[in-house]
C-alpha atoms as a PDB file:
ATOM      1  CA  PHE A   1     124.189 142.020  99.359  1.00  0.00           C
ATOM      2  CA  VAL A   2     123.093 145.449  97.737  1.00  0.00           C
ATOM      3  CA  PHE A   3     125.353 148.422  98.958  1.00  0.00           C
ATOM      4  CA  GLN A   4     123.744 151.766  97.574  1.00  0.00           C
ATOM      5  CA  LEU A   5     126.162 154.872  98.195  1.00  0.00           C
ATOM      6  CA  GLY A   6     125.419 158.459  97.802  1.00  0.00           C
ATOM      7  CA  ALA A   7     128.550 159.716  98.086  1.00  0.00           C
ATOM      8  CA  ALA A   8     132.130 158.354  98.487  1.00  0.00           C
ATOM      9  CA  LEU A   9     133.319 154.679  99.372  1.00  0.00           C
ATOM     10  CA  THR A  10     136.785 154.060 101.481  1.00  0.00           C
ATOM     11  CA  VAL A  11     137.822 151.131 102.339  1.00  0.00           C
ATOM     12  CA  ALA A  12     140.841 151.115 104.667  1.00  0.00           C
ATOM     13  CA  ALA A  13     144.345 150.131 104.591  1.00  0.00           C
ATOM     14  CA  ASN A  14     144.642 146.087 105.528  1.00  0.00           C
ATOM     15  CA  THR A  15     141.088 145.853 105.608  1.00  0.00           C
ATOM     16  CA  GLU A  16     139.757 142.695 104.591  1.00  0.00           C
ATOM     17  CA  ILE A  17     135.671 142.310 103.566  1.00  0.00           C
ATOM     18  CA  THR A  18     134.549 138.476 103.534  1.00  0.00           C
ATOM     19  CA  ILE A  19     131.959 136.649 102.533  1.00  0.00           C
ATOM     20  CA  VAL A  20     131.240 133.100 104.117  1.00  0.00           C
ATOM     21  CA  GLY A  21     127.576 130.903 104.152  1.00  0.00           C
ATOM     22  CA  GLY A  22     128.084 129.489 101.019  1.00  0.00           C
ATOM     23  CA  GLY A  23     127.217 133.206  99.265  1.00  0.00           C
ATOM     24  CA  SER A  24     129.032 134.171  96.329  1.00  0.00           C
ATOM     25  CA  PRO A  25     130.933 137.402  95.457  1.00  0.00           C
ATOM     26  CA  GLN A  26     128.987 137.430  92.304  1.00  0.00           C
ATOM     27  CA  ASN A  27     125.779 138.658  94.341  1.00  0.00           C
ATOM     28  CA  VAL A  28     127.394 141.327  96.124  1.00  0.00           C
ATOM     29  CA  TYR A  29     127.155 144.923  94.763  1.00  0.00           C
ATOM     30  CA  TRP A  30     128.644 148.018  95.458  1.00  0.00           C
ATOM     31  CA  GLN A  31     126.650 151.127  93.861  1.00  0.00           C
ATOM     32  CA  VAL A  32     128.723 154.070  94.553  1.00  0.00           C
ATOM     33  CA  LEU A  33     127.615 157.525  93.404  1.00  0.00           C
ATOM     34  CA  GLY A  34     131.244 159.074  94.622  1.00  0.00           C
ATOM     35  CA  ALA A  35     134.738 158.263  94.231  1.00  0.00           C
ATOM     36  CA  ALA A  36     135.989 154.274  95.528  1.00  0.00           C
ATOM     37  CA  SER A  37     139.348 154.130  96.994  1.00  0.00           C
ATOM     38  CA  LEU A  38     140.873 151.069  98.175  1.00  0.00           C
ATOM     39  CA  GLY A  39     143.813 150.995 100.890  1.00  0.00           C
ATOM     40  CA  ALA A  40     146.607 149.241 100.669  1.00  0.00           C
ATOM     41  CA  ASP A  41     146.682 145.632 101.312  1.00  0.00           C
ATOM     42  CA  SER A  42     142.735 145.713 101.902  1.00  0.00           C
ATOM     43  CA  ARG A  43     140.685 143.033 100.450  1.00  0.00           C
ATOM     44  CA  PHE A  44     137.547 143.611  99.135  1.00  0.00           C
ATOM     45  CA  VAL A  45     134.860 141.231  97.858  1.00  0.00           C
ATOM     46  CA  GLY A  46     131.757 142.047  95.036  1.00  0.00           C
ATOM     47  CA  SER A  47     131.572 144.212  91.675  1.00  0.00           C
ATOM     48  CA  LEU A  48     132.065 148.090  92.492  1.00  0.00           C
ATOM     49  CA  LEU A  49     130.153 149.838  90.309  1.00  0.00           C
ATOM     50  CA  SER A  50     130.955 153.640  90.706  1.00  0.00           C
ATOM     51  CA  LYS A  51     130.066 156.600  88.653  1.00  0.00           C
ATOM     52  CA  ALA A  52     133.326 158.212  89.686  1.00  0.00           C
ATOM     53  CA  ALA A  53     136.999 157.308  89.551  1.00  0.00           C
ATOM     54  CA  ILE A  54     138.164 154.116  91.300  1.00  0.00           C
ATOM     55  CA  ALA A  55     141.680 153.916  92.717  1.00  0.00           C
ATOM     56  CA  SER A  56     143.030 150.643  94.223  1.00  0.00           C
ATOM     57  CA  GLY A  57     146.592 150.686  96.751  1.00  0.00           C
ATOM     58  CA  LYS A  58     149.445 149.179  96.476  1.00  0.00           C
ATOM     59  CA  ASP A  59     148.957 144.981  96.972  1.00  0.00           C
ATOM     60  CA  ALA A  60     145.283 145.399  97.249  1.00  0.00           C
ATOM     61  CA  SER A  61     143.167 142.376  96.104  1.00  0.00           C
ATOM     62  CA  VAL A  62     139.670 142.336  94.518  1.00  0.00           C
ATOM     63  CA  LEU A  63     137.069 139.257  94.470  1.00  0.00           C
ATOM     64  CA  GLY A  64     135.130 140.442  92.072  1.00  0.00           C
ATOM     65  CA  ARG A  65     135.112 143.697  89.776  1.00  0.00           C
ATOM     66  CA  LEU A  66     136.356 147.562  89.385  1.00  0.00           C
ATOM     67  CA  LEU A  67     134.078 148.790  87.242  1.00  0.00           C
ATOM     68  CA  SER A  68     133.793 153.080  86.914  1.00  0.00           C
ATOM     69  CA  ILE A  69     131.126 154.047  84.129  1.00  0.00           C
ATOM     70  CA  ASP A  70     132.630 157.501  83.838  1.00  0.00           C
ATOM     71  CA  ALA A  71     135.834 158.277  85.058  1.00  0.00           C
ATOM     72  CA  ALA A  72     139.182 156.924  85.371  1.00  0.00           C
ATOM     73  CA  VAL A  73     140.762 153.512  87.247  1.00  0.00           C
ATOM     74  CA  SER A  74     143.758 153.444  88.215  1.00  0.00           C
ATOM     75  CA  LEU A  75     145.248 150.249  89.809  1.00  0.00           C
ATOM     76  CA  TYR A  76     148.734 149.520  91.804  1.00  0.00           C
ATOM     77  CA  SER A  77     150.173 145.900  91.823  1.00  0.00           C
ATOM     78  CA  ASN A  78     146.958 144.322  92.269  1.00  0.00           C
ATOM     79  CA  ASP A  79     144.717 141.568  92.379  1.00  0.00           C
ATOM     80  CA  ILE A  80     141.428 141.568  90.188  1.00  0.00           C
ATOM     81  CA  ASP A  81     139.849 138.205  89.683  1.00  0.00           C
ATOM     82  CA  ALA A  82     136.105 138.405  87.827  1.00  0.00           C
ATOM     83  CA  VAL A  83     136.100 134.408  87.491  1.00  0.00           C
ATOM     84  CA  ALA A  84     136.499 133.496  90.418  1.00  0.00           C
ATOM     85  CA  SER A  85     133.664 135.467  92.209  1.00  0.00           C
ATOM     86  CA  SER A  86     131.568 134.046  89.308  1.00  0.00           C
ATOM     87  CA  THR A  87     131.883 130.072  90.422  1.00  0.00           C
ATOM     88  CA  SER A  88     129.646 129.372  93.085  1.00  0.00           C
ATOM     89  CA  ALA A  89     126.129 128.485  92.499  1.00  0.00           C
ATOM     90  CA  ALA A  90     124.659 129.644  95.897  1.00  0.00           C
ATOM     91  CA  ALA A  91     123.095 132.686  95.960  1.00  0.00           C
ATOM     92  CA  SER A  92     121.888 135.431  98.800  1.00  0.00           C
ATOM     93  CA  THR A  93     118.350 135.824  99.393  1.00  0.00           C
ATOM     94  CA  ILE A  94     116.539 139.193 100.375  1.00  0.00           C
ATOM     95  CA  SER A  95     112.857 138.965 100.912  1.00  0.00           C
ATOM     96  CA  GLN A  96     112.259 142.200  99.684  1.00  0.00           C
ATOM     97  CA  ILE A  97     113.703 141.966  96.213  1.00  0.00           C
ATOM     98  CA  SER A  98     111.120 140.382  93.728  1.00  0.00           C
ATOM     99  CA  ALA A  99     111.920 137.946  90.765  1.00  0.00           C
ATOM    100  CA  GLU A 100     111.611 140.556  88.484  1.00  0.00           C
ATOM    101  CA  GLN A 101     114.480 143.417  90.321  1.00  0.00           C
ATOM    102  CA  LEU A 102     116.286 140.219  90.561  1.00  0.00           C
ATOM    103  CA  SER A 103     116.696 139.410  87.294  1.00  0.00           C
ATOM    104  CA  ALA A 104     117.635 143.067  86.323  1.00  0.00           C
ATOM    105  CA  LEU A 105     120.694 143.092  88.681  1.00  0.00           C
ATOM    106  CA  THR A 106     122.593 141.400  85.163  1.00  0.00           C
ATOM    107  CA  PHE A 107     125.699 142.903  83.938  1.00  0.00           C
ATOM    108  CA  GLY A 108     124.511 141.632  80.469  1.00  0.00           C
ATOM    109  CA  GLN A 109     127.311 142.314  77.989  1.00  0.00           C
ATOM    110  CA  ALA A 110     129.602 143.510  80.510  1.00  0.00           C
ATOM    111  CA  SER A 111     129.710 140.153  82.329  1.00  0.00           C
ATOM    112  CA  THR A 112     133.463 138.917  81.521  1.00  0.00           C
ATOM    113  CA  TYR A 113     135.016 142.399  82.477  1.00  0.00           C
ATOM    114  CA  ALA A 114     137.386 142.478  85.807  1.00  0.00           C
ATOM    115  CA  ALA A 115     137.732 145.929  85.223  1.00  0.00           C
ATOM    116  CA  PHE A 116     136.305 148.661  83.017  1.00  0.00           C
ATOM    117  CA  SER A 117     136.728 152.740  82.904  1.00  0.00           C
ATOM    118  CA  GLY A 118     134.599 155.389  81.392  1.00  0.00           C
ATOM    119  CA  ALA A 119     137.782 157.376  80.831  1.00  0.00           C
ATOM    120  CA  ALA A 120     141.513 156.401  81.332  1.00  0.00           C
ATOM    121  CA  PHE A 121     142.949 153.437  82.738  1.00  0.00           C
ATOM    122  CA  SER A 122     146.302 153.696  84.481  1.00  0.00           C
ATOM    123  CA  ASN A 123     148.566 150.656  86.243  1.00  0.00           C
ATOM    124  CA  ALA A 124     151.519 150.942  88.373  1.00  0.00           C
ATOM    125  CA  GLY A 125     153.536 147.888  89.674  1.00  0.00           C
ATOM    126  CA  THR A 126     152.888 144.105  88.937  1.00  0.00           C
ATOM    127  CA  THR A 127     148.889 143.362  88.774  1.00  0.00           C
ATOM    128  CA  THR A 128     147.193 140.942  88.008  1.00  0.00           C
ATOM    129  CA  VAL A 129     143.819 140.329  85.973  1.00  0.00           C
ATOM    130  CA  THR A 130     141.727 137.326  85.648  1.00  0.00           C
ATOM    131  CA  GLY A 131     138.732 138.796  83.301  1.00  0.00           C
ATOM    132  CA  ASP A 132     138.283 141.624  80.364  1.00  0.00           C
ATOM    133  CA  VAL A 133     139.858 144.471  80.826  1.00  0.00           C
ATOM    134  CA  GLY A 134     137.498 147.588  78.761  1.00  0.00           C
ATOM    135  CA  SER A 135     138.943 151.499  78.922  1.00  0.00           C
ATOM    136  CA  VAL A 136     137.318 154.182  77.091  1.00  0.00           C
ATOM    137  CA  GLY A 137     140.177 156.239  77.225  1.00  0.00           C
ATOM    138  CA  ALA A 138     143.931 155.890  77.087  1.00  0.00           C
ATOM    139  CA  LEU A 139     145.551 153.011  78.857  1.00  0.00           C
ATOM    140  CA  SER A 140     148.846 153.810  80.869  1.00  0.00           C
ATOM    141  CA  GLY A 141     151.494 152.317  82.921  1.00  0.00           C
ATOM    142  CA  ALA A 142     153.172 149.362  83.552  1.00  0.00           C
ATOM    143  CA  THR A 143     151.848 146.065  81.372  1.00  0.00           C
ATOM    144  CA  MET A 144     149.507 143.968  83.397  1.00  0.00           C
ATOM    145  CA  THR A 145     149.398 140.206  84.106  1.00  0.00           C
ATOM    146  CA  GLN A 146     145.976 139.383  82.201  1.00  0.00           C
ATOM    147  CA  THR A 147     143.677 136.770  81.344  1.00  0.00           C
ATOM    148  CA  GLY A 148     141.225 138.196  79.437  1.00  0.00           C
ATOM    149  CA  SER A 149     141.070 140.655  76.667  1.00  0.00           C
ATOM    150  CA  ILE A 150     141.797 144.344  76.442  1.00  0.00           C
ATOM    151  CA  LYS A 151     139.418 146.596  74.532  1.00  0.00           C
ATOM    152  CA  THR A 152     139.477 150.633  74.097  1.00  0.00           C
ATOM    153  CA  ALA A 153     136.905 150.566  71.210  1.00  0.00           C
ATOM    154  CA  ASP A 154     133.474 149.643  70.682  1.00  0.00           C
ATOM    155  CA  LEU A 155     132.544 149.895  74.204  1.00  0.00           C
ATOM    156  CA  ALA A 156     129.071 151.913  73.943  1.00  0.00           C
ATOM    157  CA  SER A 157     127.118 148.532  74.558  1.00  0.00           C
ATOM    158  CA  ILE A 158     129.254 147.913  77.761  1.00  0.00           C
ATOM    159  CA  LYS A 159     129.025 150.849  79.284  1.00  0.00           C
ATOM    160  CA  ALA A 160     125.122 151.008  78.492  1.00  0.00           C
ATOM    161  CA  ASP A 161     124.748 147.534  80.422  1.00  0.00           C
ATOM    162  CA  LEU A 162     126.706 149.077  83.360  1.00  0.00           C
ATOM    163  CA  GLU A 163     124.247 151.839  83.764  1.00  0.00           C
ATOM    164  CA  SER A 164     121.336 149.664  83.123  1.00  0.00           C
ATOM    165  CA  LEU A 165     122.409 147.675  86.377  1.00  0.00           C
ATOM    166  CA  TYR A 166     123.951 150.666  88.550  1.00  0.00           C
ATOM    167  CA  LEU A 167     120.431 152.322  87.690  1.00  0.00           C
ATOM    168  CA  ALA A 168     118.930 149.006  88.509  1.00  0.00           C
ATOM    169  CA  THR A 169     120.595 148.600  91.988  1.00  0.00           C
ATOM    170  CA  SER A 170     119.410 152.302  92.848  1.00  0.00           C
ATOM    171  CA  ARG A 171     115.837 151.534  92.682  1.00  0.00           C
ATOM    172  CA  LEU A 172     115.928 148.910  95.128  1.00  0.00           C
ATOM    173  CA  ARG A 173     114.213 149.513  98.690  1.00  0.00           C
ATOM    174  CA  THR A 174     116.779 149.855 101.420  1.00  0.00           C
ATOM    175  CA  THR A 175     116.425 147.473 104.258  1.00  0.00           C
ATOM    176  CA  THR A 176     119.326 149.346 106.334  1.00  0.00           C
ATOM    177  CA  GLU A 177     120.681 152.865 106.409  1.00  0.00           C
ATOM    178  CA  LEU A 178     124.179 152.496 107.514  1.00  0.00           C
ATOM    179  CA  SER A 179     126.353 155.321 109.355  1.00  0.00           C
ATOM    180  CA  THR A 180     129.410 156.705 108.160  1.00  0.00           C
ATOM    181  CA  THR A 181     131.835 154.299 109.137  1.00  0.00           C
ATOM    182  CA  VAL A 182     131.255 150.051 109.047  1.00  0.00           C
ATOM    183  CA  GLY A 183     133.666 147.617 110.077  1.00  0.00           C
ATOM    184  CA  ALA A 184     134.478 144.502 112.794  1.00  0.00           C
ATOM    185  CA  THR A 185     131.120 143.528 111.944  1.00  0.00           C
ATOM    186  CA  THR A 186     129.032 140.851 110.255  1.00  0.00           C
ATOM    187  CA  LEU A 187     126.020 141.811 108.032  1.00  0.00           C
ATOM    188  CA  THR A 188     123.358 139.796 106.689  1.00  0.00           C
ATOM    189  CA  PRO A 189     121.736 139.805 103.506  1.00  0.00           C
ATOM    190  CA  GLY A 190     120.423 143.650 102.259  1.00  0.00           C
ATOM    191  CA  VAL A 191     120.297 146.462 101.207  1.00  0.00           C
ATOM    192  CA  TYR A 192     122.089 149.028 102.807  1.00  0.00           C
ATOM    193  CA  SER A 193     122.275 152.630 102.377  1.00  0.00           C
ATOM    194  CA  ALA A 194     124.459 155.116 102.686  1.00  0.00           C
ATOM    195  CA  ALA A 195     123.803 159.369 101.984  1.00  0.00           C
ATOM    196  CA  ALA A 196     127.255 160.254 103.209  1.00  0.00           C
ATOM    197  CA  ALA A 197     130.392 158.954 102.470  1.00  0.00           C
ATOM    198  CA  LEU A 198     131.174 155.412 103.631  1.00  0.00           C
ATOM    199  CA  THR A 199     134.599 154.106 105.276  1.00  0.00           C
ATOM    200  CA  VAL A 200     134.824 150.392 105.742  1.00  0.00           C
ATOM    201  CA  SER A 201     137.594 150.076 108.299  1.00  0.00           C
ATOM    202  CA  GLY A 202     138.221 146.733 110.561  1.00  0.00           C
ATOM    203  CA  ASP A 203     136.969 143.651 108.731  1.00  0.00           C
ATOM    204  CA  LEU A 204     133.707 143.219 107.631  1.00  0.00           C
ATOM    205  CA  ILE A 205     132.264 139.867 107.343  1.00  0.00           C
ATOM    206  CA  LEU A 206     129.218 139.600 104.751  1.00  0.00           C
ATOM    207  CA  ASN A 207     127.487 136.307 105.992  1.00  0.00           C
ATOM    208  CA  THR A 208     124.942 134.625 103.890  1.00  0.00           C
ATOM    209  CA  GLY A 209     124.537 131.887 106.589  1.00  0.00           C
END
């Protein structure tokens, strides 16, 4: 699953995004040009790769990654697990993606990162992160319970690999155009795009079966 969003992404409070049918969150990519916001108590699946700020509301959970290439990341009593999202060997098949394009969908040296900020990184409340955390700017706020390393220096190569992944996802040919709101529905593997801001409101099921 690839989501190409030309503006902001909002996941409404209490919304659940799940993947079923044997697929892995590792094969779900959210490529977002604008700011991304995860509502309180929401459940998010996949790698969120944004050029703008990412804000995760209170008690939201992520089976995947929150990665802002150029801007800030803010957390609030969240659970982010990049390791569990990588354990499944099952892969989604999208016929429109060539083997060469598929091979470009790699995190490179950023593969161990659960969260990355191209600017400041802040946390409030009790947050658990499984995976590495990187921040080009300052880290502030409450201490996280974290498995992995926290890095604030020598991140140029990590950021470059995220830039390459962002570009690779943006080059894929769209299979389905989305409206401004999606939710309470089931999607099958594909490359989905939205030029305007997208809101996910109501449970969204990603079915690889």
